[in-house]
C-alpha atoms as a PDB file:
ATOM      1  CA  MET A   1      92.850 110.635  96.886  1.00  0.00           C
ATOM      2  CA  THR A   2      92.957 107.275  95.139  1.00  0.00           C
ATOM      3  CA  ILE A   3      94.414 104.051  96.504  1.00  0.00           C
ATOM      4  CA  ALA A   4      97.168 104.231  93.878  1.00  0.00           C
ATOM      5  CA  GLU A   5      98.088 107.783  94.933  1.00  0.00           C
ATOM      6  CA  GLN A   6      98.164 106.746  98.585  1.00  0.00           C
ATOM      7  CA  LEU A   7     100.416 103.749  97.845  1.00  0.00           C
ATOM      8  CA  LYS A   8     102.798 106.028  95.931  1.00  0.00           C
ATOM      9  CA  GLN A   9     102.850 108.598  98.742  1.00  0.00           C
ATOM     10  CA  ILE A  10     103.586 105.944 101.371  1.00  0.00           C
ATOM     11  CA  SER A  11     106.370 104.471  99.208  1.00  0.00           C
ATOM     12  CA  GLU A  12     107.894 107.893  98.551  1.00  0.00           C
ATOM     13  CA  ARG A  13     107.866 108.664 102.272  1.00  0.00           C
ATOM     14  CA  LEU A  14     109.744 105.417 103.026  1.00  0.00           C
ATOM     15  CA  ALA A  15     112.243 105.655 100.121  1.00  0.00           C
ATOM     16  CA  PRO A  16     114.835 107.896 101.902  1.00  0.00           C
ATOM     17  CA  TRP A  17     114.759 105.571 104.925  1.00  0.00           C
ATOM     18  CA  ALA A  18     115.296 102.517 102.698  1.00  0.00           C
ATOM     19  CA  GLN A  19     118.194 104.204 100.910  1.00  0.00           C
ATOM     20  CA  SER A  20     119.799 105.147 104.242  1.00  0.00           C
ATOM     21  CA  VAL A  21     119.822 101.491 105.355  1.00  0.00           C
ATOM     22  CA  GLY A  22     120.872 100.096 101.955  1.00  0.00           C
ATOM     23  CA  GLY A  23     117.434  98.683 101.273  1.00  0.00           C
ATOM     24  CA  ARG A  24     114.428  99.220  99.050  1.00  0.00           C
ATOM     25  CA  VAL A  25     110.691  99.906  99.076  1.00  0.00           C
ATOM     26  CA  GLU A  26     108.279  98.139  96.744  1.00  0.00           C
ATOM     27  CA  ILE A  27     104.533  98.070  96.252  1.00  0.00           C
ATOM     28  CA  ALA A  28     102.917  94.620  96.299  1.00  0.00           C
ATOM     29  CA  ASN A  29      99.757  93.623  94.524  1.00  0.00           C
ATOM     30  CA  ASP A  30      98.730  90.841  96.918  1.00  0.00           C
ATOM     31  CA  PRO A  31     100.147  88.579  99.671  1.00  0.00           C
ATOM     32  CA  VAL A  32     101.787  86.181  97.185  1.00  0.00           C
ATOM     33  CA  HIS A  33     103.484  89.080  95.389  1.00  0.00           C
ATOM     34  CA  ALA A  34     104.618  90.535  98.743  1.00  0.00           C
ATOM     35  CA  PHE A  35     106.163  87.205  99.704  1.00  0.00           C
ATOM     36  CA  SER A  36     108.028  86.978  96.383  1.00  0.00           C
ATOM     37  CA  ILE A  37     109.424  90.500  96.852  1.00  0.00           C
ATOM     38  CA  LEU A  38     110.712  89.574 100.298  1.00  0.00           C
ATOM     39  CA  GLN A  39     112.539  86.557  98.857  1.00  0.00           C
ATOM     40  CA  ALA A  40     114.119  88.464  95.962  1.00  0.00           C
ATOM     41  CA  LYS A  41     117.003  90.234  97.717  1.00  0.00           C
ATOM     42  CA  PRO A  42     117.857  88.679 101.062  1.00  0.00           C
ATOM     43  CA  GLY A  43     120.109  90.574 103.423  1.00  0.00           C
ATOM     44  CA  ALA A  44     119.064  94.122 102.531  1.00  0.00           C
ATOM     45  CA  PRO A  45     116.249  95.758 104.514  1.00  0.00           C
ATOM     46  CA  THR A  46     113.050  95.661 102.495  1.00  0.00           C
ATOM     47  CA  ALA A  47     109.767  97.495 103.032  1.00  0.00           C
ATOM     48  CA  VAL A  48     106.801  96.137 101.091  1.00  0.00           C
ATOM     49  CA  VAL A  49     103.765  98.420 100.922  1.00  0.00           C
ATOM     50  CA  GLN A  50     100.431  96.732 100.259  1.00  0.00           C
ATOM     51  CA  PHE A  51      96.797  97.847 100.116  1.00  0.00           C
ATOM     52  CA  HIS A  52      94.825  95.400 102.260  1.00  0.00           C
ATOM     53  CA  ASP A  53      91.164  96.436 102.150  1.00  0.00           C
ATOM     54  CA  GLU A  54      88.602  99.218 102.232  1.00  0.00           C
ATOM     55  CA  GLU A  55      85.658  99.141 104.607  1.00  0.00           C
ATOM     56  CA  LYS A  56      82.774 101.581 104.922  1.00  0.00           C
ATOM     57  CA  ARG A  57      82.719 103.627 108.080  1.00  0.00           C
ATOM     58  CA  GLY A  58      79.527 103.693 110.043  1.00  0.00           C
ATOM     59  CA  GLU A  59      76.219 102.026 109.549  1.00  0.00           C
ATOM     60  CA  TYR A  60      75.223 103.618 106.243  1.00  0.00           C
ATOM     61  CA  GLU A  61      77.166 103.838 102.983  1.00  0.00           C
ATOM     62  CA  GLU A  62      75.533 107.174 102.173  1.00  0.00           C
ATOM     63  CA  ALA A  63      78.043 108.887 104.453  1.00  0.00           C
ATOM     64  CA  SER A  64      80.687 108.052 101.789  1.00  0.00           C
ATOM     65  CA  MET A  65      83.415 107.548 104.400  1.00  0.00           C
ATOM     66  CA  VAL A  66      85.702 104.521 104.248  1.00  0.00           C
ATOM     67  CA  ASP A  67      88.729 103.267 106.115  1.00  0.00           C
ATOM     68  CA  ARG A  68      91.483 101.929 103.865  1.00  0.00           C
ATOM     69  CA  THR A  69      93.868  99.489 105.496  1.00  0.00           C
ATOM     70  CA  PHE A  70      97.490  99.280 104.386  1.00  0.00           C
ATOM     71  CA  HIS A  71     100.313  96.967 105.445  1.00  0.00           C
ATOM     72  CA  VAL A  72     104.026  97.672 105.421  1.00  0.00           C
ATOM     73  CA  ILE A  73     106.126  94.544 105.834  1.00  0.00           C
ATOM     74  CA  ILE A  74     109.682  95.037 107.112  1.00  0.00           C
ATOM     75  CA  TYR A  75     112.196  92.319 106.427  1.00  0.00           C
ATOM     76  CA  ARG A  76     115.967  91.949 106.712  1.00  0.00           C
ATOM     77  CA  SER A  77     117.689  88.622 106.945  1.00  0.00           C
ATOM     78  CA  ALA A  78     120.013  86.227 105.181  1.00  0.00           C
ATOM     79  CA  GLY A  79     117.012  84.306 103.835  1.00  0.00           C
ATOM     80  CA  MET A  80     113.453  83.532 104.794  1.00  0.00           C
ATOM     81  CA  LYS A  81     113.575  81.439 107.953  1.00  0.00           C
ATOM     82  CA  LEU A  82     110.769  79.915 109.950  1.00  0.00           C
ATOM     83  CA  GLY A  83     110.262  81.507 113.336  1.00  0.00           C
ATOM     84  CA  LYS A  84     112.029  84.437 114.929  1.00  0.00           C
ATOM     85  CA  GLY A  85     115.800  84.734 115.040  1.00  0.00           C
ATOM     86  CA  GLU A  86     118.632  86.735 116.506  1.00  0.00           C
ATOM     87  CA  SER A  87     118.286  89.348 113.754  1.00  0.00           C
ATOM     88  CA  LEU A  88     115.059  90.531 115.401  1.00  0.00           C
ATOM     89  CA  VAL A  89     116.857  91.861 118.473  1.00  0.00           C
ATOM     90  CA  ALA A  90     120.570  91.891 117.666  1.00  0.00           C
ATOM     91  CA  GLY A  91     120.811  92.577 113.929  1.00  0.00           C
ATOM     92  CA  THR A  92     122.997  90.808 111.395  1.00  0.00           C
ATOM     93  CA  ALA A  93     125.975  91.721 109.213  1.00  0.00           C
ATOM     94  CA  GLY A  94     126.440  95.018 111.037  1.00  0.00           C
ATOM     95  CA  GLY A  95     122.808  96.050 110.466  1.00  0.00           C
ATOM     96  CA  ARG A  96     120.315  97.162 113.063  1.00  0.00           C
ATOM     97  CA  ALA A  97     117.844  94.833 114.734  1.00  0.00           C
ATOM     98  CA  LEU A  98     114.635  94.213 112.811  1.00  0.00           C
ATOM     99  CA  TYR A  99     112.532  95.619 115.665  1.00  0.00           C
ATOM    100  CA  ASP A 100     114.527  98.869 115.479  1.00  0.00           C
ATOM    101  CA  LEU A 101     113.977  99.092 111.710  1.00  0.00           C
ATOM    102  CA  ALA A 102     110.235  98.459 112.125  1.00  0.00           C
ATOM    103  CA  GLU A 103     109.945 101.168 114.792  1.00  0.00           C
ATOM    104  CA  GLU A 104     111.663 103.658 112.474  1.00  0.00           C
ATOM    105  CA  VAL A 105     109.218 102.818 109.683  1.00  0.00           C
ATOM    106  CA  ARG A 106     106.251 102.995 112.068  1.00  0.00           C
ATOM    107  CA  GLU A 107     107.198 106.558 113.007  1.00  0.00           C
ATOM    108  CA  LEU A 108     107.615 107.534 109.348  1.00  0.00           C
ATOM    109  CA  VAL A 109     104.160 106.144 108.565  1.00  0.00           C
ATOM    110  CA  ARG A 110     102.623 107.961 111.534  1.00  0.00           C
ATOM    111  CA  GLY A 111     104.104 111.217 110.197  1.00  0.00           C
ATOM    112  CA  ILE A 112     102.602 111.047 106.694  1.00  0.00           C
ATOM    113  CA  SER A 113     100.223 113.897 105.887  1.00  0.00           C
ATOM    114  CA  PHE A 114      97.574 113.177 103.258  1.00  0.00           C
ATOM    115  CA  ASP A 115      95.488 115.641 101.247  1.00  0.00           C
ATOM    116  CA  GLU A 116      92.020 117.066 101.832  1.00  0.00           C
ATOM    117  CA  THR A 117      90.160 113.956 100.624  1.00  0.00           C
ATOM    118  CA  THR A 118      91.480 111.937 103.537  1.00  0.00           C
ATOM    119  CA  GLU A 119      91.963 112.331 107.220  1.00  0.00           C
ATOM    120  CA  VAL A 120      95.282 114.090 107.545  1.00  0.00           C
ATOM    121  CA  THR A 121      97.246 111.386 109.372  1.00  0.00           C
ATOM    122  CA  PRO A 122      97.014 107.606 109.281  1.00  0.00           C
ATOM    123  CA  ASP A 123      95.604 105.665 112.218  1.00  0.00           C
ATOM    124  CA  TYR A 124      98.345 103.285 113.371  1.00  0.00           C
ATOM    125  CA  ARG A 125      96.767  99.955 114.359  1.00  0.00           C
ATOM    126  CA  ARG A 126      99.483  97.444 115.161  1.00  0.00           C
ATOM    127  CA  THR A 127     102.857  95.882 114.468  1.00  0.00           C
ATOM    128  CA  GLN A 128     102.880  92.104 114.450  1.00  0.00           C
ATOM    129  CA  PRO A 129     104.929  89.183 113.145  1.00  0.00           C
ATOM    130  CA  TYR A 130     104.527  88.676 109.408  1.00  0.00           C
ATOM    131  CA  THR A 131     102.584  85.529 108.539  1.00  0.00           C
ATOM    132  CA  PHE A 132     102.132  84.037 105.078  1.00  0.00           C
ATOM    133  CA  GLN A 133     100.070  80.896 104.517  1.00  0.00           C
ATOM    134  CA  ASP A 134      99.924  80.219 108.276  1.00  0.00           C
ATOM    135  CA  VAL A 135     103.721  80.357 108.638  1.00  0.00           C
ATOM    136  CA  THR A 136     105.355  83.101 110.727  1.00  0.00           C
ATOM    137  CA  PHE A 137     108.614  84.540 109.394  1.00  0.00           C
ATOM    138  CA  ASP A 138     111.322  86.751 110.868  1.00  0.00           C
ATOM    139  CA  ALA A 139     109.650  89.846 109.444  1.00  0.00           C
ATOM    140  CA  LEU A 140     107.251  92.391 110.922  1.00  0.00           C
ATOM    141  CA  GLN A 141     104.020  93.779 109.511  1.00  0.00           C
ATOM    142  CA  ILE A 142     102.847  97.297 110.332  1.00  0.00           C
ATOM    143  CA  GLU A 143      99.121  97.921 109.867  1.00  0.00           C
ATOM    144  CA  PHE A 144      97.423 101.297 109.619  1.00  0.00           C
ATOM    145  CA  THR A 145      94.259 102.799 108.190  1.00  0.00           C
ATOM    146  CA  ILE A 146      93.520 106.004 106.366  1.00  0.00           C
ATOM    147  CA  GLY A 147      90.041 107.521 106.576  1.00  0.00           C
ATOM    148  CA  CYS A 148      88.845 108.689 103.153  1.00  0.00           C
ATOM    149  CA  GLN A 149      85.884 110.580 101.762  1.00  0.00           C
ATOM    150  CA  LEU A 150      84.596 108.890  98.625  1.00  0.00           C
ATOM    151  CA  PRO A 151      83.449 111.078  95.735  1.00  0.00           C
ATOM    152  CA  PRO A 152      79.703 111.677  95.549  1.00  0.00           C
ATOM    153  CA  VAL A 153      77.606 109.319  93.450  1.00  0.00           C
ATOM    154  CA  ASP A 154      77.033 110.973  90.085  1.00  0.00           C
ATOM    155  CA  LEU A 155      73.880 109.761  88.376  1.00  0.00           C
ATOM    156  CA  TYR A 156      74.998 111.445  85.161  1.00  0.00           C
ATOM    157  CA  ARG A 157      78.426 109.833  84.935  1.00  0.00           C
ATOM    158  CA  ASN A 158      78.846 107.310  82.168  1.00  0.00           C
ATOM    159  CA  PRO A 159      80.356 104.189  83.795  1.00  0.00           C
ATOM    160  CA  THR A 160      82.757 103.858  80.838  1.00  0.00           C
ATOM    161  CA  GLN A 161      84.317 107.221  81.725  1.00  0.00           C
ATOM    162  CA  PRO A 162      87.433 107.601  83.923  1.00  0.00           C
ATOM    163  CA  ASN A 163      87.368 107.249  87.701  1.00  0.00           C
ATOM    164  CA  PRO A 164      85.557 110.217  89.327  1.00  0.00           C
ATOM    165  CA  GLU A 165      88.308 110.499  91.967  1.00  0.00           C
ATOM    166  CA  THR A 166      90.792 111.440  89.270  1.00  0.00           C
ATOM    167  CA  GLU A 167      88.635 113.230  86.682  1.00  0.00           C
ATOM    168  CA  THR A 168      86.189 116.122  86.696  1.00  0.00           C
ATOM    169  CA  ARG A 169      82.455 115.502  86.479  1.00  0.00           C
ATOM    170  CA  THR A 170      81.113 114.668  83.042  1.00  0.00           C
ATOM    171  CA  GLN A 171      77.531 115.263  81.913  1.00  0.00           C
ATOM    172  CA  GLY A 172      75.662 112.491  80.148  1.00  0.00           C
ATOM    173  CA  THR A 173      72.525 110.467  80.355  1.00  0.00           C
ATOM    174  CA  PRO A 174      71.344 109.323  83.789  1.00  0.00           C
ATOM    175  CA  GLN A 175      72.755 105.953  84.844  1.00  0.00           C
ATOM    176  CA  THR A 176      71.307 103.367  87.159  1.00  0.00           C
ATOM    177  CA  LEU A 177      72.919 103.140  90.593  1.00  0.00           C
ATOM    178  CA  ILE A 178      74.526  99.771  91.173  1.00  0.00           C
END
């Protein structure tokens, strides 16, 4: 399963929740993009899904196992404010407290079931205050990993061909491993 497919699956899983609270779910490219999404529509609950990194599992790469880390940032306020506010525990404008919203999303994430190329369920790591450029905002970041099996190295795959995770094996001239 590719990173793009995993991001889509996470977003699709959170979409009904976002609709039920009058909010939205978006995929962010990087921390700056995530921050701009959070600023775009203040007041409505927002979940921003972001791929963070991929790290090999174990001592040797030959095992082809990696852990992909994803972040989901939960935000709902009348505007980005420094520090924590009342909306974290009491809610605003008739909405639920931010901690309650984050716990709902955490449970949705924990319940995602991925396909056979990954471990079935994500490994929840933590929920923490959202920080951007060393400033903490009244938003929460949920972090989790997904264990994935990378496709085998194919010495006959032409590097100009499509990604082996999404295409079938192609025969060609042997290529040098990089």
